[in-house]
């Protein structure tokens, strides 16, 4: 069954709609990825500062940190 010119044009427009929806979905994914990346970086920064604060506040870990700093900063004084 052959398509008349109007049906051909309608099929062409439907194909274009599908391609544009795919392009829109790709752009939406890129935007979501960018936001997710920023959020993950903020999460990691918050996590690292929390861990550093916890270590600094814990007396045993703070003492160990001082000992390790002295060990690695002054390797000739052992």
Protein backbone atom coordinates (compact mmCIF):
# COMPACT_ATOMS: atom_id res chain seq x y z
CA UNK A 1 0.00 0.00 0.00
CA UNK A 2 1.55 3.27 -1.11
CA UNK A 3 1.43 6.37 1.00
CA UNK A 4 0.03 9.53 -0.46
CA UNK A 5 2.08 12.75 -0.15
CA UNK A 6 0.23 13.86 2.99
CA UNK A 7 0.87 10.57 4.75
CA UNK A 8 4.54 10.73 3.74
CA UNK A 9 4.81 14.24 5.16
CA UNK A 10 3.04 13.18 8.37
CA UNK A 11 5.43 10.22 8.73
CA UNK A 12 8.39 12.55 8.22
CA UNK A 13 7.12 14.90 10.94
CA UNK A 14 6.55 11.97 13.32
CA UNK A 15 10.10 10.80 12.71
CA UNK A 16 11.36 14.33 13.43
CA UNK A 17 9.35 14.40 16.66
CA UNK A 18 11.00 11.15 17.78
CA UNK A 19 14.49 12.51 17.00
CA UNK A 20 13.79 15.78 18.82
CA UNK A 21 12.42 13.93 21.86
CA UNK A 22 15.57 11.81 21.93
CA UNK A 23 17.73 14.95 21.73
CA UNK A 24 15.68 16.57 24.51
CA UNK A 25 16.10 13.48 26.67
CA UNK A 26 19.87 13.55 26.09
CA UNK A 27 20.00 17.22 27.14
CA UNK A 28 17.87 16.49 30.20
CA UNK A 29 20.25 13.70 31.16
CA UNK A 30 23.24 16.01 30.74
CA UNK A 31 21.61 18.67 32.94
CA UNK A 32 20.74 16.11 35.61
CA UNK A 33 24.28 14.74 35.54
CA UNK A 34 25.73 18.23 36.04
CA UNK A 35 23.48 18.85 39.05
CA UNK A 36 24.29 15.40 40.45
CA UNK A 37 28.02 16.06 40.07
CA UNK A 38 27.73 19.31 41.99
CA UNK A 39 25.68 17.65 44.71
CA UNK A 40 28.15 14.79 45.04
CA UNK A 41 31.07 17.21 45.33
CA UNK A 42 29.23 19.11 48.06
CA UNK A 43 28.47 15.82 49.82
CA UNK A 44 32.13 14.75 49.67
CA UNK A 45 33.30 18.13 50.99
CA UNK A 46 30.81 17.95 53.85
CA UNK A 47 31.76 14.35 54.60
CA UNK A 48 35.49 15.12 54.63
CA UNK A 49 35.08 18.14 56.89
CA UNK A 50 32.91 16.06 59.23
CA UNK A 51 35.53 13.32 59.41
CA UNK A 52 38.31 15.86 59.97
CA UNK A 53 36.30 17.54 62.74
CA UNK A 54 35.55 14.18 64.36
CA UNK A 55 39.23 13.22 64.31
CA UNK A 56 40.26 16.61 65.68
CA UNK A 57 37.73 16.39 68.52
CA UNK A 58 38.62 12.84 69.55
CA UNK A 59 41.50 13.02 72.07
CA UNK A 60 43.15 9.73 71.14
CA UNK A 61 42.96 10.40 67.41
CA UNK A 62 44.20 13.97 67.87
CA UNK A 63 47.24 12.68 69.79
CA UNK A 64 47.90 10.09 67.10
CA UNK A 65 47.63 12.80 64.47
CA UNK A 66 50.23 14.91 66.31
CA UNK A 67 52.53 11.91 66.59
CA UNK A 68 52.19 11.10 62.90
CA UNK A 69 52.78 14.73 61.93
CA UNK A 70 55.98 14.71 63.94
CA UNK A 71 57.03 11.38 62.45
CA UNK A 72 56.52 12.40 58.83
CA UNK A 73 57.62 16.03 59.13
CA UNK A 74 60.89 15.26 60.95
CA UNK A 75 62.17 11.95 59.52
CA UNK A 76 65.77 12.62 60.61
CA UNK A 77 64.93 12.94 64.34
CA UNK A 78 64.07 9.30 64.99
